[in-house]
Amino acid sequence: MGAINRDCWYLYTLNPPSGAKGRVCGIQEPDQTLEILMTHLDPKIMSIFTQEVCKSGEEATIKSGIDRIIPNAVINEHLFEPCGYSMNGIFKNSENGESLNGSYMTIHITPEAEFSYVSFETNYSQTSYKEIILRVLETFLPGKFVLTFMANKTSVGNGTHGEVERMVALKEWLRLDSQFCRFQNYDLTYAFFTKFPS
């Protein structure tokens, strides 16, 4: 998705076969995924994910603010030698005690200046993802990023499609492209943002 002459995102889909009596097989419980793929990242922030600056994954998690993107995650992280970072976070319960079993966030970081890259993904259920998106962007300060949101018809996050469409700009990032796709069981919104010219 997106223009073929700049950053784009590839999507592969599979529609499950129809079940008996014409019902659609597959996940019918609420399901959603937010993904933010970032490049041209701030070198000072990226230096946190080197063993010259941090001695452990936990130190990098706290120093970078990853632990504050979606609070209350049980995080398992790893800082690679000599650089690089990966984390998986799971959520057991929300602040109001609602069970979040199966909810996760994951981040993978390649900090080298020549090809810096961060991927963020979560299926954490929200009616609005704007605050999470802003926390991710403020944590990593990308030069540009691709944002995708996919949700099935029963997700409380379905309003996010319209929310992303209204995001012409997010602080210093300007949206250059936006697309919406409707599939058999899911809807998808794709958007490409870059920092305002300085």
Protein backbone atom coordinates (compact mmCIF):
# COMPACT_ATOMS: atom_id res chain seq x y z
CA MET A 1 0.00 0.00 0.00
CA GLY A 2 1.22 3.50 -0.65
CA ALA A 3 3.10 5.01 -3.56
CA ILE A 4 5.50 2.63 -5.31
CA ASN A 5 8.23 5.29 -5.55
CA ARG A 6 8.59 5.83 -1.76
CA ASP A 7 8.04 3.95 1.50
CA CYS A 8 5.20 1.48 1.16
CA TRP A 9 3.71 -1.46 3.03
CA TYR A 10 2.99 -4.93 1.70
CA LEU A 11 -0.19 -6.72 2.76
CA TYR A 12 -1.00 -10.36 2.19
CA THR A 13 -4.54 -11.54 2.94
CA LEU A 14 -6.34 -14.83 3.19
CA ASN A 15 -10.10 -15.02 3.39
CA PRO A 16 -11.12 -18.16 5.30
CA PRO A 17 -13.55 -20.48 3.56
CA SER A 18 -17.24 -20.10 4.34
CA GLY A 19 -18.47 -22.51 6.99
CA ALA A 20 -21.63 -24.55 6.97
CA LYS A 21 -24.85 -22.58 6.44
CA GLY A 22 -22.92 -19.67 4.89
CA ARG A 23 -21.29 -18.50 8.13
CA VAL A 24 -17.76 -17.14 7.89
CA CYS A 25 -15.14 -19.13 9.75
CA GLY A 26 -12.42 -17.29 11.62
CA ILE A 27 -12.01 -14.95 14.55
CA GLN A 28 -15.30 -13.37 15.57
CA GLU A 29 -14.10 -11.85 18.85
CA PRO A 30 -12.80 -8.26 18.77
CA ASP A 31 -9.40 -8.06 17.09
CA GLN A 32 -7.22 -5.12 16.08
CA THR A 33 -3.56 -4.35 15.32
CA LEU A 34 -1.77 -0.99 15.30
CA GLU A 35 1.62 -0.96 13.60
CA ILE A 36 4.08 1.95 13.27
CA LEU A 37 7.21 1.44 11.13
CA MET A 38 9.74 4.24 11.62
CA THR A 39 12.93 5.28 9.81
CA HIS A 40 15.39 8.21 9.84
CA LEU A 41 15.44 8.18 13.62
CA ASP A 42 17.05 10.61 16.04
CA PRO A 43 20.72 9.50 16.53
CA LYS A 44 20.79 10.56 20.19
CA ILE A 45 17.76 8.39 20.95
CA MET A 46 19.14 5.52 18.89
CA SER A 47 22.39 5.61 20.90
CA ILE A 48 20.39 4.37 23.92
CA PHE A 49 20.11 1.03 22.14
CA THR A 50 23.87 0.43 22.11
CA GLN A 51 25.98 -1.24 24.77
CA GLU A 52 28.13 1.91 24.89
CA VAL A 53 25.22 3.76 26.54
CA CYS A 54 23.17 1.03 28.25
CA LYS A 55 24.34 -2.20 29.84
CA SER A 56 21.02 -4.07 29.71
CA GLY A 57 17.73 -4.21 27.90
CA GLU A 58 15.93 -3.11 31.06
CA GLU A 59 18.11 0.01 31.30
CA ALA A 60 17.38 0.85 27.64
CA THR A 61 13.65 0.31 28.21
CA ILE A 62 13.56 2.78 31.11
CA LYS A 63 16.02 5.33 29.69
CA SER A 64 14.16 5.52 26.35
CA GLY A 65 10.68 5.67 27.90
CA ILE A 66 9.44 2.50 26.21
CA ASP A 67 7.97 1.41 29.55
CA ARG A 68 5.65 4.46 29.44
CA ILE A 69 4.22 3.93 25.92
CA ILE A 70 1.51 1.62 27.27
CA PRO A 71 1.96 1.34 31.06
CA ASN A 72 1.42 -1.88 33.03
CA ALA A 73 2.99 -4.20 30.47
CA VAL A 74 5.04 -7.14 31.68
CA ILE A 75 8.16 -6.56 29.54
CA ASN A 76 10.83 -8.99 28.39
CA GLU A 77 13.58 -7.13 26.56
CA HIS A 78 17.02 -7.78 25.11
CA LEU A 79 19.87 -5.39 24.22
CA PHE A 80 22.08 -6.92 21.53
CA GLU A 81 25.89 -6.77 21.20
CA PRO A 82 27.10 -4.27 20.06
CA CYS A 83 23.72 -2.66 19.35
CA GLY A 84 20.05 -3.38 18.70
CA TYR A 85 17.05 -3.99 20.88
CA SER A 86 13.97 -6.17 20.96
CA MET A 87 11.09 -6.34 23.43
CA ASN A 88 7.81 -8.10 23.94
CA GLY A 89 5.26 -6.86 26.44
CA ILE A 90 2.07 -8.58 27.55
CA PHE A 91 -0.86 -7.15 29.46
CA LYS A 92 -2.64 -9.12 32.18
CA ASN A 93 -5.26 -6.62 33.36
CA SER A 94 -6.28 -3.08 32.51
CA GLU A 95 -6.42 -0.27 35.07
CA ASN A 96 -10.12 -1.01 35.69
CA GLY A 97 -9.44 -4.75 36.21
CA GLU A 98 -10.65 -5.92 32.77
CA SER A 99 -8.80 -9.04 31.59
CA LEU A 100 -6.38 -8.27 28.74
CA ASN A 101 -5.03 -11.78 28.28
CA GLY A 102 -3.71 -12.02 24.75
CA SER A 103 -2.92 -8.30 24.48
CA TYR A 104 0.68 -7.48 23.60
CA MET A 105 3.08 -4.86 22.30
CA THR A 106 6.36 -5.55 20.56
CA ILE A 107 9.23 -3.28 19.50
CA HIS A 108 12.31 -4.07 17.41
CA ILE A 109 15.12 -1.55 16.90
CA THR A 110 18.04 -1.30 14.49
CA PRO A 111 19.85 1.85 15.73
CA GLU A 112 22.66 2.27 13.16
CA ALA A 113 22.48 5.79 11.67
CA GLU A 114 22.78 4.61 8.06
CA PHE A 115 19.63 2.48 8.27
CA SER A 116 17.93 3.20 11.58
CA TYR A 117 14.60 1.44 11.95
CA VAL A 118 12.03 0.89 14.69
CA SER A 119 8.89 -1.21 14.45
CA PHE A 120 6.10 -0.97 17.01
CA GLU A 121 3.05 -3.23 17.07
CA THR A 122 0.20 -3.77 19.51
CA ASN A 123 -3.22 -5.35 19.66
CA TYR A 124 -4.07 -3.51 22.90
CA SER A 125 -7.77 -2.62 22.67
CA GLN A 126 -8.58 1.13 22.59
CA THR A 127 -11.43 3.25 21.24
CA SER A 128 -8.79 5.83 20.20
CA TYR A 129 -5.11 5.18 19.48
CA LYS A 130 -4.04 8.80 19.07
CA GLU A 131 -2.34 9.03 22.49
CA ILE A 132 -0.45 5.76 21.97
CA ILE A 133 0.63 6.89 18.49
CA LEU A 134 1.90 10.22 19.90
CA ARG A 135 3.77 8.46 22.73
CA VAL A 136 5.50 6.18 20.21
CA LEU A 137 6.46 9.15 18.01
CA GLU A 138 7.71 11.23 20.95
CA THR A 139 9.75 8.25 22.21
CA PHE A 140 11.61 7.69 18.92
CA LEU A 141 11.29 10.98 16.92
CA PRO A 142 11.29 9.39 13.44
CA GLY A 143 11.95 11.37 10.28
CA LYS A 144 9.20 9.38 8.60
CA PHE A 145 6.87 6.51 9.39
CA VAL A 146 4.19 4.21 8.04
CA LEU A 147 1.15 3.69 10.25
CA THR A 148 -1.30 0.85 9.71
CA PHE A 149 -4.41 -0.06 11.65
CA MET A 150 -6.41 -3.20 11.01
CA ALA A 151 -9.57 -4.17 12.90
CA ASN A 152 -12.42 -6.59 12.52
CA LYS A 153 -16.05 -5.53 12.71
CA THR A 154 -16.38 -6.25 16.44
CA SER A 155 -13.35 -4.18 17.56
CA VAL A 156 -14.02 -1.13 19.73
CA GLY A 157 -11.17 0.53 17.81
CA ASN A 158 -13.07 0.76 14.53
CA GLY A 159 -13.33 4.55 14.94
CA THR A 160 -9.54 4.68 14.50
CA HIS A 161 -9.97 4.42 10.72
CA GLY A 162 -11.73 7.79 10.63
CA GLU A 163 -9.37 9.16 13.27
CA VAL A 164 -6.32 8.39 11.10
CA GLU A 165 -8.08 9.88 8.07
CA ARG A 166 -8.47 13.15 10.02
CA MET A 167 -4.77 13.11 11.04
CA VAL A 168 -3.50 15.41 8.32
CA ALA A 169 -0.66 16.28 10.69
CA LEU A 170 0.57 14.89 14.00
CA LYS A 171 2.67 17.55 15.71
CA GLU A 172 5.67 17.96 13.33
CA TRP A 173 4.73 15.03 11.05
CA LEU A 174 2.71 15.66 7.88
CA ARG A 175 0.64 12.91 6.26
CA LEU A 176 1.61 12.43 2.60
CA ASP A 177 -0.55 9.41 1.82
CA SER A 178 -3.58 7.62 3.21
CA GLN A 179 -5.54 4.59 1.99
CA PHE A 180 -8.46 2.59 3.33
CA CYS A 181 -9.29 -1.01 2.38
CA ARG A 182 -12.29 -3.13 3.30
CA PHE A 183 -11.82 -6.88 3.38
CA GLN A 184 -14.21 -9.71 4.13
CA ASN A 185 -13.67 -9.62 7.91
CA TYR A 186 -11.33 -6.66 8.51
CA ASP A 187 -10.86 -3.03 7.57
CA LEU A 188 -7.40 -1.55 7.09
CA THR A 189 -6.11 2.02 7.16
CA TYR A 190 -2.61 2.85 5.86
CA ALA A 191 -0.93 6.25 6.24
CA PHE A 192 2.55 7.57 5.47
CA PHE A 193 3.93 10.55 7.41
CA THR A 194 7.13 12.58 7.21
CA LYS A 195 8.52 15.45 9.29
CA PHE A 196 7.71 18.95 8.08
CA PRO A 197 10.54 20.35 5.99
CA SER A 198 12.89 22.35 8.20
